[in-house]
Amino acid sequence: MEAEELFLPFALPKERVPLVSAVRSTVIISSLTGLRAAGRYDEYLAKLERRFHDVVASPNPNAWLPLDFALAHYDACQRLDLEPAMIDEIGAQSGRFVNETLLSVLTRVSKEFGVTPWFALSNSNTLGARTWMGGSFAVWKLGPKEARLEWIQQPVARFPYFRRAFGGFTKAICGHFARAMFVSELPMPNKATEIAYRLSWV
């Protein structure tokens, strides 16, 4: 078994990390933008529970949306049965959106000081707290340019669509600080609330 070094601990002791209870509307807006770009928005809307149609028709920027909406949104996305490459791209678009907005200051710093993906990974919980209410990230260093990222207490993890899209999101976020980025999902004991990825870069 390869040696691991804890790089970023969970925000709280693991047993005290609260379950995600809400998502920031910017996450959903960026997701919807990707679905529209892929030409699948109307199909998505047909699969979304009707009680949530008003939410996606005119989302309130920076509002907190309840977990039941996030579950309904990603359930509808899952049932679109999109090609993996398209899911990767939708996730990557969300990552690029975050790079241009929430991480704009970090991006400027990276250009000035040559920051690596470790800098982005060190801010996982900061970014997570801005976009999801509850849950937590931890990062382990596997090598100079290799890491394992875990996200726990995330009920949306039950959807393979979400796990794939978040992999694309992570690749776009961290890849901004590297020449090439590779992200692959790792097995977790409880896929209903946990996600993990192996990251490497050059």
C-alpha atoms as a PDB file:
ATOM      1  CA  MET A   1       0.000   0.000   0.000  1.00  0.00           C
ATOM      2  CA  GLU A   2       1.404   3.376  -0.988  1.00  0.00           C
ATOM      3  CA  ALA A   3       2.252   5.914   1.699  1.00  0.00           C
ATOM      4  CA  GLU A   4      -0.141   8.823   2.102  1.00  0.00           C
ATOM      5  CA  GLU A   5       0.379  12.148   3.808  1.00  0.00           C
ATOM      6  CA  LEU A   6      -2.609  14.140   5.044  1.00  0.00           C
ATOM      7  CA  PHE A   7      -2.541  17.468   3.237  1.00  0.00           C
ATOM      8  CA  LEU A   8      -5.959  18.948   4.069  1.00  0.00           C
ATOM      9  CA  PRO A   9      -8.034  17.526   6.929  1.00  0.00           C
ATOM     10  CA  PHE A  10     -11.807  17.463   7.044  1.00  0.00           C
ATOM     11  CA  ALA A  11     -13.218  20.729   8.403  1.00  0.00           C
ATOM     12  CA  LEU A  12     -14.466  18.810  11.449  1.00  0.00           C
ATOM     13  CA  PRO A  13     -13.806  15.373  12.902  1.00  0.00           C
ATOM     14  CA  LYS A  14     -15.289  12.960  10.368  1.00  0.00           C
ATOM     15  CA  GLU A  15     -18.088  11.785  12.667  1.00  0.00           C
ATOM     16  CA  ARG A  16     -19.199  15.394  13.217  1.00  0.00           C
ATOM     17  CA  VAL A  17     -19.344  16.522   9.574  1.00  0.00           C
ATOM     18  CA  PRO A  18     -22.981  17.455   8.848  1.00  0.00           C
ATOM     19  CA  LEU A  19     -24.883  16.097   5.876  1.00  0.00           C
ATOM     20  CA  VAL A  20     -25.237  18.527   2.975  1.00  0.00           C
ATOM     21  CA  SER A  21     -28.549  20.350   3.365  1.00  0.00           C
ATOM     22  CA  ALA A  22     -28.463  23.001   0.617  1.00  0.00           C
ATOM     23  CA  VAL A  23     -26.703  24.037  -2.575  1.00  0.00           C
ATOM     24  CA  ARG A  24     -25.881  27.514  -3.816  1.00  0.00           C
ATOM     25  CA  SER A  25     -27.920  28.456  -6.872  1.00  0.00           C
ATOM     26  CA  THR A  26     -24.735  29.306  -8.808  1.00  0.00           C
ATOM     27  CA  VAL A  27     -23.940  25.560  -8.901  1.00  0.00           C
ATOM     28  CA  ILE A  28     -27.318  24.819 -10.479  1.00  0.00           C
ATOM     29  CA  ILE A  29     -27.114  27.789 -12.858  1.00  0.00           C
ATOM     30  CA  SER A  30     -23.751  26.611 -14.202  1.00  0.00           C
ATOM     31  CA  SER A  31     -25.154  23.084 -14.553  1.00  0.00           C
ATOM     32  CA  LEU A  32     -28.178  24.363 -16.480  1.00  0.00           C
ATOM     33  CA  THR A  33     -25.894  26.417 -18.726  1.00  0.00           C
ATOM     34  CA  GLY A  34     -24.036  23.224 -19.621  1.00  0.00           C
ATOM     35  CA  LEU A  35     -27.289  21.377 -20.381  1.00  0.00           C
ATOM     36  CA  ARG A  36     -28.446  24.203 -22.633  1.00  0.00           C
ATOM     37  CA  ALA A  37     -25.106  24.231 -24.463  1.00  0.00           C
ATOM     38  CA  ALA A  38     -25.479  20.475 -24.990  1.00  0.00           C
ATOM     39  CA  GLY A  39     -29.003  20.969 -26.379  1.00  0.00           C
ATOM     40  CA  ARG A  40     -30.559  18.837 -23.610  1.00  0.00           C
ATOM     41  CA  TYR A  41     -32.303  21.453 -21.479  1.00  0.00           C
ATOM     42  CA  ASP A  42     -35.846  20.774 -22.720  1.00  0.00           C
ATOM     43  CA  GLU A  43     -35.394  17.051 -22.162  1.00  0.00           C
ATOM     44  CA  TYR A  44     -34.010  17.763 -18.694  1.00  0.00           C
ATOM     45  CA  LEU A  45     -37.026  19.930 -17.870  1.00  0.00           C
ATOM     46  CA  ALA A  46     -39.384  17.145 -18.915  1.00  0.00           C
ATOM     47  CA  LYS A  47     -37.672  14.817 -16.433  1.00  0.00           C
ATOM     48  CA  LEU A  48     -37.504  17.310 -13.554  1.00  0.00           C
ATOM     49  CA  GLU A  49     -40.259  17.167 -10.934  1.00  0.00           C
ATOM     50  CA  ARG A  50     -42.840  19.778 -11.973  1.00  0.00           C
ATOM     51  CA  ARG A  51     -42.819  21.426  -8.530  1.00  0.00           C
ATOM     52  CA  PHE A  52     -39.277  22.628  -9.235  1.00  0.00           C
ATOM     53  CA  HIS A  53     -39.884  24.103 -12.698  1.00  0.00           C
ATOM     54  CA  ASP A  54     -40.281  27.636 -11.357  1.00  0.00           C
ATOM     55  CA  VAL A  55     -36.927  27.353  -9.571  1.00  0.00           C
ATOM     56  CA  VAL A  56     -34.995  26.583 -12.754  1.00  0.00           C
ATOM     57  CA  ALA A  57     -37.058  28.990 -14.890  1.00  0.00           C
ATOM     58  CA  SER A  58     -35.794  32.009 -12.934  1.00  0.00           C
ATOM     59  CA  PRO A  59     -33.097  30.979 -10.435  1.00  0.00           C
ATOM     60  CA  ASN A  60     -32.168  33.580  -7.852  1.00  0.00           C
ATOM     61  CA  PRO A  61     -28.407  34.211  -8.065  1.00  0.00           C
ATOM     62  CA  ASN A  62     -26.518  33.307  -4.880  1.00  0.00           C
ATOM     63  CA  ALA A  63     -29.592  31.878  -3.145  1.00  0.00           C
ATOM     64  CA  TRP A  64     -29.416  28.665  -1.119  1.00  0.00           C
ATOM     65  CA  LEU A  65     -31.596  25.885  -2.565  1.00  0.00           C
ATOM     66  CA  PRO A  66     -32.705  22.932  -0.401  1.00  0.00           C
ATOM     67  CA  LEU A  67     -31.260  19.453  -0.713  1.00  0.00           C
ATOM     68  CA  ASP A  68     -34.506  18.017  -2.088  1.00  0.00           C
ATOM     69  CA  PHE A  69     -34.150  20.311  -5.097  1.00  0.00           C
ATOM     70  CA  ALA A  70     -30.499  19.310  -5.615  1.00  0.00           C
ATOM     71  CA  LEU A  71     -31.523  15.648  -5.511  1.00  0.00           C
ATOM     72  CA  ALA A  72     -34.342  16.251  -7.999  1.00  0.00           C
ATOM     73  CA  HIS A  73     -32.016  18.215 -10.302  1.00  0.00           C
ATOM     74  CA  TYR A  74     -29.310  15.562 -10.423  1.00  0.00           C
ATOM     75  CA  ASP A  75     -31.887  12.782 -10.670  1.00  0.00           C
ATOM     76  CA  ALA A  76     -33.215  14.445 -13.826  1.00  0.00           C
ATOM     77  CA  CYS A  77     -29.645  14.838 -15.120  1.00  0.00           C
ATOM     78  CA  GLN A  78     -28.977  11.158 -14.391  1.00  0.00           C
ATOM     79  CA  ARG A  79     -32.055  10.086 -16.351  1.00  0.00           C
ATOM     80  CA  LEU A  80     -30.852  11.980 -19.428  1.00  0.00           C
ATOM     81  CA  ASP A  81     -28.375   9.118 -19.880  1.00  0.00           C
ATOM     82  CA  LEU A  82     -25.747  11.425 -21.384  1.00  0.00           C
ATOM     83  CA  GLU A  83     -22.504  10.212 -22.910  1.00  0.00           C
ATOM     84  CA  PRO A  84     -19.570  10.292 -20.434  1.00  0.00           C
ATOM     85  CA  ALA A  85     -17.680  12.822 -22.558  1.00  0.00           C
ATOM     86  CA  MET A  86     -20.656  15.189 -22.469  1.00  0.00           C
ATOM     87  CA  ILE A  87     -20.944  14.857 -18.682  1.00  0.00           C
ATOM     88  CA  ASP A  88     -17.212  15.574 -18.397  1.00  0.00           C
ATOM     89  CA  GLU A  89     -17.647  18.728 -20.463  1.00  0.00           C
ATOM     90  CA  ILE A  90     -20.657  19.947 -18.467  1.00  0.00           C
ATOM     91  CA  GLY A  91     -18.648  19.484 -15.273  1.00  0.00           C
ATOM     92  CA  ALA A  92     -15.648  21.217 -16.833  1.00  0.00           C
ATOM     93  CA  GLN A  93     -17.811  24.174 -17.870  1.00  0.00           C
ATOM     94  CA  SER A  94     -18.884  24.551 -14.254  1.00  0.00           C
ATOM     95  CA  GLY A  95     -15.234  24.444 -13.207  1.00  0.00           C
ATOM     96  CA  ARG A  96     -14.319  27.131 -15.702  1.00  0.00           C
ATOM     97  CA  PHE A  97     -17.238  29.234 -14.439  1.00  0.00           C
ATOM     98  CA  VAL A  98     -15.918  28.959 -10.873  1.00  0.00           C
ATOM     99  CA  ASN A  99     -12.396  29.821 -12.051  1.00  0.00           C
ATOM    100  CA  GLU A 100     -13.796  32.999 -13.613  1.00  0.00           C
ATOM    101  CA  THR A 101     -15.883  33.982 -10.584  1.00  0.00           C
ATOM    102  CA  LEU A 102     -15.234  32.506  -7.133  1.00  0.00           C
ATOM    103  CA  LEU A 103     -11.575  31.736  -7.860  1.00  0.00           C
ATOM    104  CA  SER A 104     -10.759  34.870  -9.834  1.00  0.00           C
ATOM    105  CA  VAL A 105      -8.500  36.201  -7.067  1.00  0.00           C
ATOM    106  CA  LEU A 106      -6.757  32.837  -6.697  1.00  0.00           C
ATOM    107  CA  THR A 107      -6.261  32.713 -10.449  1.00  0.00           C
ATOM    108  CA  ARG A 108      -4.507  36.085 -10.439  1.00  0.00           C
ATOM    109  CA  VAL A 109      -2.269  34.933  -7.597  1.00  0.00           C
ATOM    110  CA  SER A 110      -1.407  31.739  -9.460  1.00  0.00           C
ATOM    111  CA  LYS A 111      -0.309  33.645 -12.528  1.00  0.00           C
ATOM    112  CA  GLU A 112       1.855  35.941 -10.464  1.00  0.00           C
ATOM    113  CA  PHE A 113       3.502  33.293  -8.286  1.00  0.00           C
ATOM    114  CA  GLY A 114       3.251  30.088 -10.295  1.00  0.00           C
ATOM    115  CA  VAL A 115       0.882  28.326  -7.878  1.00  0.00           C
ATOM    116  CA  THR A 116       0.357  24.577  -8.406  1.00  0.00           C
ATOM    117  CA  PRO A 117      -2.795  22.414  -8.058  1.00  0.00           C
ATOM    118  CA  TRP A 118      -1.904  21.999  -4.372  1.00  0.00           C
ATOM    119  CA  PHE A 119      -2.990  25.597  -3.915  1.00  0.00           C
ATOM    120  CA  ALA A 120      -6.422  24.852  -5.397  1.00  0.00           C
ATOM    121  CA  LEU A 121      -6.735  21.668  -3.325  1.00  0.00           C
ATOM    122  CA  SER A 122      -5.849  23.571  -0.140  1.00  0.00           C
ATOM    123  CA  ASN A 123      -8.935  25.711  -0.768  1.00  0.00           C
ATOM    124  CA  SER A 124     -11.332  22.757  -1.224  1.00  0.00           C
ATOM    125  CA  ASN A 125     -13.241  23.403   1.991  1.00  0.00           C
ATOM    126  CA  THR A 126     -13.306  27.160   1.430  1.00  0.00           C
ATOM    127  CA  LEU A 127     -14.882  26.677  -1.982  1.00  0.00           C
ATOM    128  CA  GLY A 128     -17.108  23.883  -0.712  1.00  0.00           C
ATOM    129  CA  ALA A 129     -18.528  26.103   2.038  1.00  0.00           C
ATOM    130  CA  ARG A 130     -19.402  28.735  -0.561  1.00  0.00           C
ATOM    131  CA  THR A 131     -21.332  26.321  -2.740  1.00  0.00           C
ATOM    132  CA  TRP A 132     -22.683  23.543  -0.487  1.00  0.00           C
ATOM    133  CA  MET A 133     -24.086  23.816   3.037  1.00  0.00           C
ATOM    134  CA  GLY A 134     -22.642  20.876   4.937  1.00  0.00           C
ATOM    135  CA  GLY A 135     -20.260  18.111   3.907  1.00  0.00           C
ATOM    136  CA  SER A 136     -16.476  18.382   3.918  1.00  0.00           C
ATOM    137  CA  PHE A 137     -13.379  17.653   1.855  1.00  0.00           C
ATOM    138  CA  ALA A 138     -10.043  16.125   2.788  1.00  0.00           C
ATOM    139  CA  VAL A 139      -6.915  15.709   0.665  1.00  0.00           C
ATOM    140  CA  TRP A 140      -3.997  13.282   0.952  1.00  0.00           C
ATOM    141  CA  LYS A 141      -0.660  13.694  -0.800  1.00  0.00           C
ATOM    142  CA  LEU A 142       0.372  10.548  -2.678  1.00  0.00           C
ATOM    143  CA  GLY A 143       3.406  12.094  -4.333  1.00  0.00           C
ATOM    144  CA  PRO A 144       4.802  15.474  -5.453  1.00  0.00           C
ATOM    145  CA  LYS A 145       2.150  15.724  -8.185  1.00  0.00           C
ATOM    146  CA  GLU A 146      -0.438  13.204  -7.069  1.00  0.00           C
ATOM    147  CA  ALA A 147      -3.307  13.448  -4.585  1.00  0.00           C
ATOM    148  CA  ARG A 148      -6.434  11.744  -3.297  1.00  0.00           C
ATOM    149  CA  LEU A 149      -9.488  13.928  -2.723  1.00  0.00           C
ATOM    150  CA  GLU A 150     -12.466  12.802  -0.617  1.00  0.00           C
ATOM    151  CA  TRP A 151     -15.853  14.468  -0.183  1.00  0.00           C
ATOM    152  CA  ILE A 152     -18.093  13.100   2.552  1.00  0.00           C
ATOM    153  CA  GLN A 153     -21.672  13.665   3.719  1.00  0.00           C
ATOM    154  CA  GLN A 154     -22.774  14.557   0.176  1.00  0.00           C
ATOM    155  CA  PRO A 155     -26.132  12.847  -0.602  1.00  0.00           C
ATOM    156  CA  VAL A 156     -25.941  13.812  -4.286  1.00  0.00           C
ATOM    157  CA  ALA A 157     -23.036  11.350  -4.563  1.00  0.00           C
ATOM    158  CA  ARG A 158     -25.658   8.633  -5.129  1.00  0.00           C
ATOM    159  CA  PHE A 159     -25.925   9.725  -8.777  1.00  0.00           C
ATOM    160  CA  PRO A 160     -23.196   8.481 -11.149  1.00  0.00           C
ATOM    161  CA  TYR A 161     -23.909  11.578 -13.266  1.00  0.00           C
ATOM    162  CA  PHE A 162     -22.914  13.841 -10.394  1.00  0.00           C
ATOM    163  CA  ARG A 163     -19.787  11.871  -9.540  1.00  0.00           C
ATOM    164  CA  ARG A 164     -18.666  12.017 -13.170  1.00  0.00           C
ATOM    165  CA  ALA A 165     -19.510  15.710 -13.570  1.00  0.00           C
ATOM    166  CA  PHE A 166     -17.725  16.625 -10.352  1.00  0.00           C
ATOM    167  CA  GLY A 167     -14.670  14.793 -11.656  1.00  0.00           C
ATOM    168  CA  GLY A 168     -14.792  17.056 -14.720  1.00  0.00           C
ATOM    169  CA  PHE A 169     -15.287  20.058 -12.451  1.00  0.00           C
ATOM    170  CA  THR A 170     -12.271  19.109 -10.340  1.00  0.00           C
ATOM    171  CA  LYS A 171     -10.146  18.553 -13.433  1.00  0.00           C
ATOM    172  CA  ALA A 172     -11.011  22.034 -14.709  1.00  0.00           C
ATOM    173  CA  ILE A 173     -10.377  23.717 -11.346  1.00  0.00           C
ATOM    174  CA  CYS A 174      -7.053  22.045 -10.644  1.00  0.00           C
ATOM    175  CA  GLY A 175      -6.036  21.826 -14.297  1.00  0.00           C
ATOM    176  CA  HIS A 176      -5.993  25.597 -14.430  1.00  0.00           C
ATOM    177  CA  PHE A 177      -2.787  25.380 -12.396  1.00  0.00           C
ATOM    178  CA  ALA A 178      -1.044  22.628 -14.415  1.00  0.00           C
ATOM    179  CA  ARG A 179      -0.037  21.792 -17.996  1.00  0.00           C
ATOM    180  CA  ALA A 180      -2.062  18.551 -17.939  1.00  0.00           C
ATOM    181  CA  MET A 181      -4.459  17.145 -15.338  1.00  0.00           C
ATOM    182  CA  PHE A 182      -5.741  13.594 -14.843  1.00  0.00           C
ATOM    183  CA  VAL A 183      -8.681  12.720 -12.577  1.00  0.00           C
ATOM    184  CA  SER A 184     -10.193   9.292 -11.938  1.00  0.00           C
ATOM    185  CA  GLU A 185     -12.894   8.226  -9.496  1.00  0.00           C
ATOM    186  CA  LEU A 186     -11.931   5.888  -6.669  1.00  0.00           C
ATOM    187  CA  PRO A 187     -14.239   3.383  -4.937  1.00  0.00           C
ATOM    188  CA  MET A 188     -15.714   4.430  -1.601  1.00  0.00           C
ATOM    189  CA  PRO A 189     -17.465   2.353   1.097  1.00  0.00           C
ATOM    190  CA  ASN A 190     -20.653   4.416   0.868  1.00  0.00           C
ATOM    191  CA  LYS A 191     -21.388   5.808  -2.590  1.00  0.00           C
ATOM    192  CA  ALA A 192     -24.652   7.244  -1.260  1.00  0.00           C
ATOM    193  CA  THR A 193     -22.786  10.039   0.549  1.00  0.00           C
ATOM    194  CA  GLU A 194     -19.066   9.758  -0.326  1.00  0.00           C
ATOM    195  CA  ILE A 195     -16.938  10.519  -3.391  1.00  0.00           C
ATOM    196  CA  ALA A 196     -13.199  10.133  -3.908  1.00  0.00           C
ATOM    197  CA  TYR A 197     -10.813  10.881  -6.771  1.00  0.00           C
ATOM    198  CA  ARG A 198      -7.181  10.299  -7.609  1.00  0.00           C
ATOM    199  CA  LEU A 199      -5.547  13.349  -9.161  1.00  0.00           C
ATOM    200  CA  SER A 200      -2.220  13.601 -10.947  1.00  0.00           C
ATOM    201  CA  TRP A 201      -0.691  16.322 -13.062  1.00  0.00           C
ATOM    202  CA  VAL A 202       2.314  17.559 -14.985  1.00  0.00           C
END
